């Protein structure tokens, strides 16, 4: 018997609040048993969207957003800041999560999601591969960014942005990019790092891409997609989520910054840019706060930060606590690497901005 998944598609651009609230409603409804597995394909009005663990004002130039009519928001998945617009395909896929013994690792989830999009691009003669933390690349240039969330028990959420076309000039003005990336404020610098579907297939359209993604999902998962729309209870959830989160400036601008801290370190790692605040001058840690564009499960991260309180400020003791909370609490960062960063922050009496090779 062939399984059926729902397919929701919006051809008209949506506000960031409608896009993000709709996605969260899908995964929460699936987890509650009230919504079916769903593929949602849509696009945004120009919007700058930060990851769950980022500080908005660190990542986005709000004055520039106002000047160009770009909205801003925060998604419920991790990762870095993205500039969305009508020429990107926003992909949301909500699927049931397996039992603990059957659950994919975060890396396996990324590989599964990337395979669907790579197969879709293959229909256009574009050969793409999953590279690094969360990028789909063509000849070393990014064509899609991927995100994963397993924060809702019983469901896994896949989130992505596939570049049909892209305004690089607007991106470098809206996003607060690291200084080392700004050697060229024009398109030449980032055109060497990014590519689009239309660069390879000039006549490609939004419907062309969404149709290819739908076909690839059906082919690789052996399911049948049925076009439909949101259910009544999902519309209610969307309205609530917009009030509580995606139209709530307090939540959107919420900042993971310690009010009182003795040391801070920031480093670029294989997991993304990690910034760690530490408080405490005695032999043990009083508090630890971890921010950045990484991927983690909210509960696991909160548990780790809580359990680090009172831990001896030694790398071996800290690594032991991290391992007990889950070796993969932060995707692509080992317990030892995270412990080293915490010790470095603990030893810093002033704000330190450090960089290393990822």
C-alpha atoms as a PDB file:
ATOM      1  CA  UNK A   1       0.000   0.000   0.000  1.00  0.00           C
ATOM      2  CA  UNK A   2       1.391   3.393  -1.017  1.00  0.00           C
ATOM      3  CA  UNK A   3       1.566   5.993   1.738  1.00  0.00           C
ATOM      4  CA  UNK A   4       0.116   9.449   1.105  1.00  0.00           C
ATOM      5  CA  UNK A   5       1.689  12.717   2.207  1.00  0.00           C
ATOM      6  CA  UNK A   6       0.033  16.097   1.978  1.00  0.00           C
ATOM      7  CA  UNK A   7       1.454  18.678  -0.426  1.00  0.00           C
ATOM      8  CA  UNK A   8       0.811  22.367   0.303  1.00  0.00           C
ATOM      9  CA  UNK A   9       2.049  24.934  -2.201  1.00  0.00           C
ATOM     10  CA  UNK A  10       1.831  28.741  -2.118  1.00  0.00           C
ATOM     11  CA  UNK A  11       2.789  30.492  -5.343  1.00  0.00           C
ATOM     12  CA  UNK A  12       2.241  34.028  -3.993  1.00  0.00           C
ATOM     13  CA  UNK A  13       4.958  35.365  -1.666  1.00  0.00           C
ATOM     14  CA  UNK A  14       4.165  35.176   2.055  1.00  0.00           C
ATOM     15  CA  UNK A  15       5.169  37.323   5.017  1.00  0.00           C
ATOM     16  CA  UNK A  16       7.867  35.871   7.250  1.00  0.00           C
ATOM     17  CA  UNK A  17       5.272  35.449  10.027  1.00  0.00           C
ATOM     18  CA  UNK A  18       2.916  33.446   7.797  1.00  0.00           C
ATOM     19  CA  UNK A  19       5.749  31.312   6.465  1.00  0.00           C
ATOM     20  CA  UNK A  20       7.337  30.490   9.816  1.00  0.00           C
ATOM     21  CA  UNK A  21       4.110  30.061  11.780  1.00  0.00           C
ATOM     22  CA  UNK A  22       2.743  27.744   9.102  1.00  0.00           C
ATOM     23  CA  UNK A  23       5.838  25.578   9.268  1.00  0.00           C
ATOM     24  CA  UNK A  24       5.732  25.245  13.041  1.00  0.00           C
ATOM     25  CA  UNK A  25       2.012  24.448  12.934  1.00  0.00           C
ATOM     26  CA  UNK A  26       2.737  21.567  10.556  1.00  0.00           C
ATOM     27  CA  UNK A  27       5.281  19.887  12.795  1.00  0.00           C
ATOM     28  CA  UNK A  28       3.366  20.414  16.055  1.00  0.00           C
ATOM     29  CA  UNK A  29       0.168  19.122  14.455  1.00  0.00           C
ATOM     30  CA  UNK A  30       1.970  16.036  13.172  1.00  0.00           C
ATOM     31  CA  UNK A  31       3.457  15.348  16.603  1.00  0.00           C
ATOM     32  CA  UNK A  32       0.002  15.642  18.199  1.00  0.00           C
ATOM     33  CA  UNK A  33      -1.472  13.209  15.687  1.00  0.00           C
ATOM     34  CA  UNK A  34      -3.788  15.847  14.223  1.00  0.00           C
ATOM     35  CA  UNK A  35      -1.893  16.588  10.996  1.00  0.00           C
ATOM     36  CA  UNK A  36      -0.532  14.335   8.243  1.00  0.00           C
ATOM     37  CA  UNK A  37       3.078  14.216   7.041  1.00  0.00           C
ATOM     38  CA  UNK A  38       3.416  17.266   4.816  1.00  0.00           C
ATOM     39  CA  UNK A  39       5.603  18.794   2.132  1.00  0.00           C
ATOM     40  CA  UNK A  40       5.129  22.563   1.955  1.00  0.00           C
ATOM     41  CA  UNK A  41       6.678  24.624  -0.844  1.00  0.00           C
ATOM     42  CA  UNK A  42       6.335  28.402  -0.860  1.00  0.00           C
ATOM     43  CA  UNK A  43       8.193  31.706  -1.122  1.00  0.00           C
ATOM     44  CA  UNK A  44       8.610  34.873   0.909  1.00  0.00           C
ATOM     45  CA  UNK A  45       8.421  38.582   0.538  1.00  0.00           C
ATOM     46  CA  UNK A  46      11.983  39.888   1.189  1.00  0.00           C
ATOM     47  CA  UNK A  47      12.793  38.726   4.729  1.00  0.00           C
ATOM     48  CA  UNK A  48      15.953  38.312   6.814  1.00  0.00           C
ATOM     49  CA  UNK A  49      15.528  35.333   9.124  1.00  0.00           C
ATOM     50  CA  UNK A  50      17.924  34.382  11.922  1.00  0.00           C
ATOM     51  CA  UNK A  51      18.474  30.932  13.397  1.00  0.00           C
ATOM     52  CA  UNK A  52      17.033  29.853  16.740  1.00  0.00           C
ATOM     53  CA  UNK A  53      20.246  30.418  18.742  1.00  0.00           C
ATOM     54  CA  UNK A  54      21.419  33.659  17.141  1.00  0.00           C
ATOM     55  CA  UNK A  55      21.156  37.219  18.420  1.00  0.00           C
ATOM     56  CA  UNK A  56      19.162  39.176  15.859  1.00  0.00           C
ATOM     57  CA  UNK A  57      20.947  42.514  16.144  1.00  0.00           C
ATOM     58  CA  UNK A  58      24.335  40.778  15.814  1.00  0.00           C
ATOM     59  CA  UNK A  59      23.240  39.132  12.579  1.00  0.00           C
ATOM     60  CA  UNK A  60      21.083  41.734  10.791  1.00  0.00           C
ATOM     61  CA  UNK A  61      21.387  45.436  10.017  1.00  0.00           C
ATOM     62  CA  UNK A  62      17.894  46.578  10.974  1.00  0.00           C
ATOM     63  CA  UNK A  63      18.315  50.103   9.589  1.00  0.00           C
ATOM     64  CA  UNK A  64      19.169  48.688   6.179  1.00  0.00           C
ATOM     65  CA  UNK A  65      16.196  46.319   6.397  1.00  0.00           C
ATOM     66  CA  UNK A  66      13.895  49.274   7.036  1.00  0.00           C
ATOM     67  CA  UNK A  67      15.423  51.210   4.142  1.00  0.00           C
ATOM     68  CA  UNK A  68      14.845  48.408   1.638  1.00  0.00           C
ATOM     69  CA  UNK A  69      11.554  47.107   2.998  1.00  0.00           C
ATOM     70  CA  UNK A  70      12.996  43.820   4.238  1.00  0.00           C
ATOM     71  CA  UNK A  71      11.210  42.286   7.225  1.00  0.00           C
ATOM     72  CA  UNK A  72      13.055  40.294   9.894  1.00  0.00           C
ATOM     73  CA  UNK A  73      12.148  37.290  11.983  1.00  0.00           C
ATOM     74  CA  UNK A  74      13.439  34.264  13.901  1.00  0.00           C
ATOM     75  CA  UNK A  75      12.793  30.663  12.910  1.00  0.00           C
ATOM     76  CA  UNK A  76      12.474  27.744  15.314  1.00  0.00           C
ATOM     77  CA  UNK A  77      15.304  25.774  13.677  1.00  0.00           C
ATOM     78  CA  UNK A  78      19.026  26.378  14.198  1.00  0.00           C
ATOM     79  CA  UNK A  79      21.652  27.490  11.706  1.00  0.00           C
ATOM     80  CA  UNK A  80      22.593  30.895  10.381  1.00  0.00           C
ATOM     81  CA  UNK A  81      20.859  33.932   8.968  1.00  0.00           C
ATOM     82  CA  UNK A  82      19.213  33.711   5.552  1.00  0.00           C
ATOM     83  CA  UNK A  83      17.842  36.377   3.249  1.00  0.00           C
ATOM     84  CA  UNK A  84      14.640  35.041   1.715  1.00  0.00           C
ATOM     85  CA  UNK A  85      12.664  36.432  -1.200  1.00  0.00           C
ATOM     86  CA  UNK A  86      10.347  35.584  -4.095  1.00  0.00           C
ATOM     87  CA  UNK A  87      13.173  33.965  -6.076  1.00  0.00           C
ATOM     88  CA  UNK A  88      13.968  31.292  -3.490  1.00  0.00           C
ATOM     89  CA  UNK A  89      11.977  28.128  -2.924  1.00  0.00           C
ATOM     90  CA  UNK A  90      11.245  27.709   0.782  1.00  0.00           C
ATOM     91  CA  UNK A  91      10.940  24.009   1.589  1.00  0.00           C
ATOM     92  CA  UNK A  92       9.271  22.618   4.708  1.00  0.00           C
ATOM     93  CA  UNK A  93       8.934  18.886   5.261  1.00  0.00           C
ATOM     94  CA  UNK A  94       7.309  17.484   8.416  1.00  0.00           C
ATOM     95  CA  UNK A  95       7.681  13.718   8.875  1.00  0.00           C
ATOM     96  CA  UNK A  96       7.146  11.278  11.743  1.00  0.00           C
ATOM     97  CA  UNK A  97      10.252  10.593  13.814  1.00  0.00           C
ATOM     98  CA  UNK A  98      11.225   7.008  14.568  1.00  0.00           C
ATOM     99  CA  UNK A  99      11.482   5.427  17.992  1.00  0.00           C
ATOM    100  CA  UNK A 100      14.735   6.106  19.840  1.00  0.00           C
ATOM    101  CA  UNK A 101      16.373   2.965  18.441  1.00  0.00           C
ATOM    102  CA  UNK A 102      15.361   3.946  14.897  1.00  0.00           C
ATOM    103  CA  UNK A 103      15.918   7.709  14.960  1.00  0.00           C
ATOM    104  CA  UNK A 104      18.347   9.110  12.445  1.00  0.00           C
ATOM    105  CA  UNK A 105      21.257  11.167  13.692  1.00  0.00           C
ATOM    106  CA  UNK A 106      21.226  14.845  12.723  1.00  0.00           C
ATOM    107  CA  UNK A 107      23.851  14.060  10.070  1.00  0.00           C
ATOM    108  CA  UNK A 108      21.657  11.299   8.630  1.00  0.00           C
ATOM    109  CA  UNK A 109      18.687  13.671   8.554  1.00  0.00           C
ATOM    110  CA  UNK A 110      20.755  16.224   6.613  1.00  0.00           C
ATOM    111  CA  UNK A 111      21.901  13.564   4.161  1.00  0.00           C
ATOM    112  CA  UNK A 112      18.318  12.371   3.608  1.00  0.00           C
ATOM    113  CA  UNK A 113      17.030  15.900   2.998  1.00  0.00           C
ATOM    114  CA  UNK A 114      19.977  16.823   0.781  1.00  0.00           C
ATOM    115  CA  UNK A 115      19.425  13.701  -1.346  1.00  0.00           C
ATOM    116  CA  UNK A 116      15.868  14.827  -2.167  1.00  0.00           C
ATOM    117  CA  UNK A 117      16.983  18.285  -3.295  1.00  0.00           C
ATOM    118  CA  UNK A 118      20.017  16.944  -5.159  1.00  0.00           C
ATOM    119  CA  UNK A 119      17.764  14.541  -7.039  1.00  0.00           C
ATOM    120  CA  UNK A 120      15.412  17.412  -7.920  1.00  0.00           C
ATOM    121  CA  UNK A 121      18.304  19.492  -9.245  1.00  0.00           C
ATOM    122  CA  UNK A 122      19.514  16.490 -11.206  1.00  0.00           C
ATOM    123  CA  UNK A 123      16.344  16.758 -13.294  1.00  0.00           C
ATOM    124  CA  UNK A 124      17.775  20.069 -14.590  1.00  0.00           C
ATOM    125  CA  UNK A 125      21.192  18.579 -15.270  1.00  0.00           C
ATOM    126  CA  UNK A 126      22.629  20.212 -12.128  1.00  0.00           C
ATOM    127  CA  UNK A 127      24.896  17.943 -10.074  1.00  0.00           C
ATOM    128  CA  UNK A 128      24.736  18.926  -6.396  1.00  0.00           C
ATOM    129  CA  UNK A 129      26.284  17.419  -3.271  1.00  0.00           C
ATOM    130  CA  UNK A 130      25.851  17.836   0.484  1.00  0.00           C
ATOM    131  CA  UNK A 131      28.939  19.560   1.910  1.00  0.00           C
ATOM    132  CA  UNK A 132      30.027  20.690   5.375  1.00  0.00           C
ATOM    133  CA  UNK A 133      27.504  21.522   8.052  1.00  0.00           C
ATOM    134  CA  UNK A 134      24.335  22.211   6.087  1.00  0.00           C
ATOM    135  CA  UNK A 135      25.041  23.301   2.506  1.00  0.00           C
ATOM    136  CA  UNK A 136      24.042  21.795  -0.817  1.00  0.00           C
ATOM    137  CA  UNK A 137      26.731  22.813  -3.301  1.00  0.00           C
ATOM    138  CA  UNK A 138      27.379  22.746  -7.027  1.00  0.00           C
ATOM    139  CA  UNK A 139      31.090  22.690  -7.893  1.00  0.00           C
ATOM    140  CA  UNK A 140      31.929  24.118  -4.472  1.00  0.00           C
ATOM    141  CA  UNK A 141      29.307  26.889  -4.596  1.00  0.00           C
ATOM    142  CA  UNK A 142      26.231  26.971  -2.368  1.00  0.00           C
ATOM    143  CA  UNK A 143      22.860  26.522  -4.047  1.00  0.00           C
ATOM    144  CA  UNK A 144      20.760  25.622  -0.992  1.00  0.00           C
ATOM    145  CA  UNK A 145      20.901  25.880   2.791  1.00  0.00           C
ATOM    146  CA  UNK A 146      19.347  23.170   4.955  1.00  0.00           C
ATOM    147  CA  UNK A 147      18.069  23.070   8.537  1.00  0.00           C
ATOM    148  CA  UNK A 148      16.778  20.271  10.769  1.00  0.00           C
ATOM    149  CA  UNK A 149      14.759  20.266  13.989  1.00  0.00           C
ATOM    150  CA  UNK A 150      13.927  17.313  16.260  1.00  0.00           C
ATOM    151  CA  UNK A 151      12.647  19.435  19.112  1.00  0.00           C
ATOM    152  CA  UNK A 152       9.083  18.123  18.875  1.00  0.00           C
ATOM    153  CA  UNK A 153       8.704  14.553  20.128  1.00  0.00           C
ATOM    154  CA  UNK A 154       7.307  12.281  17.446  1.00  0.00           C
ATOM    155  CA  UNK A 155       8.151  14.537  14.499  1.00  0.00           C
ATOM    156  CA  UNK A 156      11.167  15.771  12.590  1.00  0.00           C
ATOM    157  CA  UNK A 157      11.161  18.993  10.623  1.00  0.00           C
ATOM    158  CA  UNK A 158      13.265  19.684   7.535  1.00  0.00           C
ATOM    159  CA  UNK A 159      13.644  23.281   6.434  1.00  0.00           C
ATOM    160  CA  UNK A 160      15.480  24.571   3.381  1.00  0.00           C
ATOM    161  CA  UNK A 161      16.045  27.433   0.966  1.00  0.00           C
ATOM    162  CA  UNK A 162      16.820  26.609  -2.663  1.00  0.00           C
ATOM    163  CA  UNK A 163      18.200  29.474  -4.752  1.00  0.00           C
ATOM    164  CA  UNK A 164      16.290  29.893  -7.983  1.00  0.00           C
ATOM    165  CA  UNK A 165      17.829  33.376  -8.175  1.00  0.00           C
ATOM    166  CA  UNK A 166      19.384  35.666  -5.571  1.00  0.00           C
ATOM    167  CA  UNK A 167      20.144  39.338  -4.869  1.00  0.00           C
ATOM    168  CA  UNK A 168      23.714  39.160  -3.557  1.00  0.00           C
ATOM    169  CA  UNK A 169      24.034  42.955  -3.392  1.00  0.00           C
ATOM    170  CA  UNK A 170      21.082  43.210  -1.028  1.00  0.00           C
ATOM    171  CA  UNK A 171      22.398  40.355   1.111  1.00  0.00           C
ATOM    172  CA  UNK A 172      25.759  42.002   1.834  1.00  0.00           C
ATOM    173  CA  UNK A 173      23.955  45.161   2.937  1.00  0.00           C
ATOM    174  CA  UNK A 174      21.309  43.505   5.103  1.00  0.00           C
ATOM    175  CA  UNK A 175      23.389  40.850   6.857  1.00  0.00           C
ATOM    176  CA  UNK A 176      26.099  41.740   9.376  1.00  0.00           C
ATOM    177  CA  UNK A 177      28.687  39.517   7.778  1.00  0.00           C
ATOM    178  CA  UNK A 178      32.081  38.852   9.410  1.00  0.00           C
ATOM    179  CA  UNK A 179      34.732  41.423   8.533  1.00  0.00           C
ATOM    180  CA  UNK A 180      36.870  38.842   6.737  1.00  0.00           C
ATOM    181  CA  UNK A 181      34.004  38.263   4.287  1.00  0.00           C
ATOM    182  CA  UNK A 182      33.721  41.921   3.317  1.00  0.00           C
ATOM    183  CA  UNK A 183      36.865  42.335   1.258  1.00  0.00           C
ATOM    184  CA  UNK A 184      34.519  42.936  -1.665  1.00  0.00           C
ATOM    185  CA  UNK A 185      31.132  44.469  -0.923  1.00  0.00           C
ATOM    186  CA  UNK A 186      29.962  43.845  -4.493  1.00  0.00           C
ATOM    187  CA  UNK A 187      28.716  40.658  -6.051  1.00  0.00           C
ATOM    188  CA  UNK A 188      32.068  39.283  -7.157  1.00  0.00           C
ATOM    189  CA  UNK A 189      33.101  37.974  -3.739  1.00  0.00           C
ATOM    190  CA  UNK A 190      29.900  36.092  -3.013  1.00  0.00           C
ATOM    191  CA  UNK A 191      29.247  35.003  -6.591  1.00  0.00           C
ATOM    192  CA  UNK A 192      32.344  32.851  -6.184  1.00  0.00           C
ATOM    193  CA  UNK A 193      30.700  31.162  -3.189  1.00  0.00           C
ATOM    194  CA  UNK A 194      27.079  30.980  -4.318  1.00  0.00           C
ATOM    195  CA  UNK A 195      25.238  29.850  -7.400  1.00  0.00           C
ATOM    196  CA  UNK A 196      21.613  29.691  -8.496  1.00  0.00           C
ATOM    197  CA  UNK A 197      19.449  27.390 -10.568  1.00  0.00           C
ATOM    198  CA  UNK A 198      19.028  30.103 -13.208  1.00  0.00           C
ATOM    199  CA  UNK A 199      22.788  30.427 -13.585  1.00  0.00           C
ATOM    200  CA  UNK A 200      22.720  26.860 -14.912  1.00  0.00           C
ATOM    201  CA  UNK A 201      19.212  26.823 -16.427  1.00  0.00           C
ATOM    202  CA  UNK A 202      18.244  30.428 -17.337  1.00  0.00           C
ATOM    203  CA  UNK A 203      14.600  29.628 -18.097  1.00  0.00           C
ATOM    204  CA  UNK A 204      13.866  27.733 -14.849  1.00  0.00           C
ATOM    205  CA  UNK A 205      10.770  28.870 -12.953  1.00  0.00           C
ATOM    206  CA  UNK A 206       9.368  28.498  -9.446  1.00  0.00           C
ATOM    207  CA  UNK A 207       6.748  25.916 -10.614  1.00  0.00           C
ATOM    208  CA  UNK A 208       9.489  23.969 -12.413  1.00  0.00           C
ATOM    209  CA  UNK A 209      11.481  23.647  -9.194  1.00  0.00           C
ATOM    210  CA  UNK A 210       8.559  22.822  -6.915  1.00  0.00           C
ATOM    211  CA  UNK A 211       7.361  20.126  -9.322  1.00  0.00           C
ATOM    212  CA  UNK A 212      10.846  18.582  -9.392  1.00  0.00           C
ATOM    213  CA  UNK A 213      11.106  18.596  -5.582  1.00  0.00           C
ATOM    214  CA  UNK A 214       7.706  16.921  -5.257  1.00  0.00           C
ATOM    215  CA  UNK A 215       8.638  14.237  -7.788  1.00  0.00           C
ATOM    216  CA  UNK A 216      11.941  13.544  -6.034  1.00  0.00           C
ATOM    217  CA  UNK A 217      10.274  13.174  -2.634  1.00  0.00           C
ATOM    218  CA  UNK A 218       7.769  10.718  -4.110  1.00  0.00           C
ATOM    219  CA  UNK A 219      10.495   8.755  -5.866  1.00  0.00           C
ATOM    220  CA  UNK A 220      12.972   8.528  -2.974  1.00  0.00           C
ATOM    221  CA  UNK A 221      10.434   7.841  -0.209  1.00  0.00           C
ATOM    222  CA  UNK A 222       7.932   5.797  -2.248  1.00  0.00           C
ATOM    223  CA  UNK A 223       4.973   7.929  -1.201  1.00  0.00           C
ATOM    224  CA  UNK A 224       2.213   9.674  -3.085  1.00  0.00           C
ATOM    225  CA  UNK A 225       1.727  13.420  -2.610  1.00  0.00           C
ATOM    226  CA  UNK A 226      -1.819  14.767  -2.500  1.00  0.00           C
ATOM    227  CA  UNK A 227      -2.329  18.509  -3.033  1.00  0.00           C
ATOM    228  CA  UNK A 228      -4.268  20.041  -0.168  1.00  0.00           C
ATOM    229  CA  UNK A 229      -4.263  23.013   2.200  1.00  0.00           C
ATOM    230  CA  UNK A 230      -4.070  23.773   5.910  1.00  0.00           C
ATOM    231  CA  UNK A 231      -6.756  22.299   8.177  1.00  0.00           C
ATOM    232  CA  UNK A 232      -8.961  24.408  10.452  1.00  0.00           C
ATOM    233  CA  UNK A 233      -7.013  23.513  13.600  1.00  0.00           C
ATOM    234  CA  UNK A 234      -3.768  24.431  11.795  1.00  0.00           C
ATOM    235  CA  UNK A 235      -5.141  27.854  10.861  1.00  0.00           C
ATOM    236  CA  UNK A 236      -5.907  28.359  14.573  1.00  0.00           C
ATOM    237  CA  UNK A 237      -2.386  27.280  15.504  1.00  0.00           C
ATOM    238  CA  UNK A 238      -0.896  29.634  12.903  1.00  0.00           C
ATOM    239  CA  UNK A 239      -2.835  32.590  14.315  1.00  0.00           C
ATOM    240  CA  UNK A 240      -1.674  31.729  17.843  1.00  0.00           C
ATOM    241  CA  UNK A 241       1.958  31.252  16.816  1.00  0.00           C
ATOM    242  CA  UNK A 242       1.950  34.572  15.001  1.00  0.00           C
ATOM    243  CA  UNK A 243       0.697  36.329  18.145  1.00  0.00           C
ATOM    244  CA  UNK A 244       3.089  34.535  20.488  1.00  0.00           C
ATOM    245  CA  UNK A 245       6.182  34.414  18.290  1.00  0.00           C
ATOM    246  CA  UNK A 246       6.380  35.519  14.697  1.00  0.00           C
ATOM    247  CA  UNK A 247       4.628  38.880  15.079  1.00  0.00           C
ATOM    248  CA  UNK A 248       5.908  39.370  18.634  1.00  0.00           C
ATOM    249  CA  UNK A 249       8.963  41.658  18.599  1.00  0.00           C
ATOM    250  CA  UNK A 250       9.938  40.545  22.110  1.00  0.00           C
ATOM    251  CA  UNK A 251      10.309  36.954  20.933  1.00  0.00           C
ATOM    252  CA  UNK A 252      11.832  37.842  17.558  1.00  0.00           C
ATOM    253  CA  UNK A 253      14.458  40.078  19.167  1.00  0.00           C
ATOM    254  CA  UNK A 254      15.073  37.826  22.176  1.00  0.00           C
ATOM    255  CA  UNK A 255      18.765  37.789  22.922  1.00  0.00           C
ATOM    256  CA  UNK A 256      20.846  34.943  24.319  1.00  0.00           C
ATOM    257  CA  UNK A 257      23.314  37.231  26.087  1.00  0.00           C
ATOM    258  CA  UNK A 258      24.324  36.903  29.719  1.00  0.00           C
ATOM    259  CA  UNK A 259      23.540  40.035  31.726  1.00  0.00           C
ATOM    260  CA  UNK A 260      26.583  39.451  33.945  1.00  0.00           C
ATOM    261  CA  UNK A 261      29.599  37.552  32.695  1.00  0.00           C
ATOM    262  CA  UNK A 262      33.312  37.408  33.358  1.00  0.00           C
ATOM    263  CA  UNK A 263      34.534  35.948  30.089  1.00  0.00           C
ATOM    264  CA  UNK A 264      33.426  35.443  26.504  1.00  0.00           C
ATOM    265  CA  UNK A 265      34.944  33.742  23.501  1.00  0.00           C
ATOM    266  CA  UNK A 266      33.785  33.488  19.893  1.00  0.00           C
ATOM    267  CA  UNK A 267      35.203  31.032  17.418  1.00  0.00           C
ATOM    268  CA  UNK A 268      34.388  29.725  13.981  1.00  0.00           C
ATOM    269  CA  UNK A 269      34.146  25.926  14.159  1.00  0.00           C
ATOM    270  CA  UNK A 270      32.938  23.030  12.031  1.00  0.00           C
ATOM    271  CA  UNK A 271      29.601  23.451  13.843  1.00  0.00           C
ATOM    272  CA  UNK A 272      29.326  27.111  12.891  1.00  0.00           C
ATOM    273  CA  UNK A 273      30.221  30.298  14.742  1.00  0.00           C
ATOM    274  CA  UNK A 274      30.011  29.626  18.483  1.00  0.00           C
ATOM    275  CA  UNK A 275      29.934  32.379  21.108  1.00  0.00           C
ATOM    276  CA  UNK A 276      30.175  31.319  24.767  1.00  0.00           C
ATOM    277  CA  UNK A 277      29.597  33.449  27.852  1.00  0.00           C
ATOM    278  CA  UNK A 278      30.864  32.229  31.233  1.00  0.00           C
ATOM    279  CA  UNK A 279      30.333  33.586  34.739  1.00  0.00           C
ATOM    280  CA  UNK A 280      32.213  32.640  37.893  1.00  0.00           C
ATOM    281  CA  UNK A 281      35.629  33.433  39.309  1.00  0.00           C
ATOM    282  CA  UNK A 282      36.015  30.508  41.724  1.00  0.00           C
ATOM    283  CA  UNK A 283      37.058  26.918  40.984  1.00  0.00           C
ATOM    284  CA  UNK A 284      33.672  26.064  39.462  1.00  0.00           C
ATOM    285  CA  UNK A 285      31.464  27.482  36.725  1.00  0.00           C
ATOM    286  CA  UNK A 286      28.578  29.640  37.919  1.00  0.00           C
ATOM    287  CA  UNK A 287      26.833  29.834  34.541  1.00  0.00           C
ATOM    288  CA  UNK A 288      27.431  29.091  30.857  1.00  0.00           C
ATOM    289  CA  UNK A 289      25.481  30.440  27.865  1.00  0.00           C
ATOM    290  CA  UNK A 290      26.101  29.190  24.314  1.00  0.00           C
ATOM    291  CA  UNK A 291      24.921  31.166  21.274  1.00  0.00           C
ATOM    292  CA  UNK A 292      25.627  30.963  17.559  1.00  0.00           C
ATOM    293  CA  UNK A 293      24.519  29.566  14.219  1.00  0.00           C
ATOM    294  CA  UNK A 294      24.796  25.913  15.217  1.00  0.00           C
ATOM    295  CA  UNK A 295      22.246  23.095  15.286  1.00  0.00           C
ATOM    296  CA  UNK A 296      21.083  21.526  18.527  1.00  0.00           C
ATOM    297  CA  UNK A 297      17.940  20.304  20.227  1.00  0.00           C
ATOM    298  CA  UNK A 298      16.505  22.971  22.518  1.00  0.00           C
ATOM    299  CA  UNK A 299      15.983  20.604  25.440  1.00  0.00           C
ATOM    300  CA  UNK A 300      19.462  19.098  25.194  1.00  0.00           C
ATOM    301  CA  UNK A 301      21.079  22.538  25.036  1.00  0.00           C
ATOM    302  CA  UNK A 302      19.097  23.820  28.028  1.00  0.00           C
ATOM    303  CA  UNK A 303      19.974  20.662  29.979  1.00  0.00           C
ATOM    304  CA  UNK A 304      23.661  21.070  29.175  1.00  0.00           C
ATOM    305  CA  UNK A 305      23.778  24.735  30.218  1.00  0.00           C
ATOM    306  CA  UNK A 306      21.983  23.857  33.461  1.00  0.00           C
ATOM    307  CA  UNK A 307      24.225  20.876  34.249  1.00  0.00           C
ATOM    308  CA  UNK A 308      27.405  22.872  33.673  1.00  0.00           C
ATOM    309  CA  UNK A 309      26.558  25.081  36.652  1.00  0.00           C
ATOM    310  CA  UNK A 310      28.865  24.085  39.498  1.00  0.00           C
ATOM    311  CA  UNK A 311      31.162  22.018  37.282  1.00  0.00           C
ATOM    312  CA  UNK A 312      34.891  22.383  38.042  1.00  0.00           C
ATOM    313  CA  UNK A 313      36.394  24.783  35.509  1.00  0.00           C
ATOM    314  CA  UNK A 314      38.655  22.122  33.983  1.00  0.00           C
ATOM    315  CA  UNK A 315      38.372  20.797  30.460  1.00  0.00           C
ATOM    316  CA  UNK A 316      38.181  17.134  31.555  1.00  0.00           C
ATOM    317  CA  UNK A 317      35.358  17.784  34.035  1.00  0.00           C
ATOM    318  CA  UNK A 318      33.450  19.943  31.550  1.00  0.00           C
ATOM    319  CA  UNK A 319      33.855  17.373  28.754  1.00  0.00           C
ATOM    320  CA  UNK A 320      32.530  14.668  31.076  1.00  0.00           C
ATOM    321  CA  UNK A 321      29.340  16.660  31.737  1.00  0.00           C
ATOM    322  CA  UNK A 322      28.907  17.359  28.026  1.00  0.00           C
ATOM    323  CA  UNK A 323      29.286  13.664  27.165  1.00  0.00           C
ATOM    324  CA  UNK A 324      26.706  12.662  29.762  1.00  0.00           C
ATOM    325  CA  UNK A 325      24.243  15.170  28.279  1.00  0.00           C
ATOM    326  CA  UNK A 326      24.849  13.745  24.817  1.00  0.00           C
ATOM    327  CA  UNK A 327      28.056  13.722  22.794  1.00  0.00           C
ATOM    328  CA  UNK A 328      26.232  15.329  19.897  1.00  0.00           C
ATOM    329  CA  UNK A 329      24.487  18.122  21.811  1.00  0.00           C
ATOM    330  CA  UNK A 330      25.852  20.588  19.261  1.00  0.00           C
ATOM    331  CA  UNK A 331      26.000  19.063  15.802  1.00  0.00           C
ATOM    332  CA  UNK A 332      29.587  18.622  14.508  1.00  0.00           C
ATOM    333  CA  UNK A 333      31.229  19.766  17.759  1.00  0.00           C
ATOM    334  CA  UNK A 334      32.810  17.151  20.031  1.00  0.00           C
ATOM    335  CA  UNK A 335      32.600  17.254  23.810  1.00  0.00           C
ATOM    336  CA  UNK A 336      36.320  17.985  23.980  1.00  0.00           C
ATOM    337  CA  UNK A 337      36.121  20.870  21.503  1.00  0.00           C
ATOM    338  CA  UNK A 338      33.191  22.456  23.323  1.00  0.00           C
ATOM    339  CA  UNK A 339      34.928  22.006  26.688  1.00  0.00           C
ATOM    340  CA  UNK A 340      38.028  23.755  25.339  1.00  0.00           C
ATOM    341  CA  UNK A 341      35.931  26.722  24.225  1.00  0.00           C
ATOM    342  CA  UNK A 342      34.260  26.980  27.633  1.00  0.00           C
ATOM    343  CA  UNK A 343      37.652  26.944  29.367  1.00  0.00           C
ATOM    344  CA  UNK A 344      38.916  29.634  26.993  1.00  0.00           C
ATOM    345  CA  UNK A 345      35.887  31.804  27.784  1.00  0.00           C
ATOM    346  CA  UNK A 346      36.395  31.165  31.506  1.00  0.00           C
ATOM    347  CA  UNK A 347      40.012  32.304  31.286  1.00  0.00           C
ATOM    348  CA  UNK A 348      39.173  35.469  29.359  1.00  0.00           C
ATOM    349  CA  UNK A 349      38.640  38.559  31.516  1.00  0.00           C
ATOM    350  CA  UNK A 350      37.637  40.701  28.565  1.00  0.00           C
ATOM    351  CA  UNK A 351      35.612  40.112  25.424  1.00  0.00           C
ATOM    352  CA  UNK A 352      37.762  38.101  23.014  1.00  0.00           C
ATOM    353  CA  UNK A 353      37.008  37.488  19.372  1.00  0.00           C
ATOM    354  CA  UNK A 354      39.027  34.528  18.171  1.00  0.00           C
ATOM    355  CA  UNK A 355      38.993  32.745  14.838  1.00  0.00           C
ATOM    356  CA  UNK A 356      40.329  29.417  13.718  1.00  0.00           C
ATOM    357  CA  UNK A 357      40.144  27.160  10.749  1.00  0.00           C
ATOM    358  CA  UNK A 358      36.882  25.210  10.748  1.00  0.00           C
END
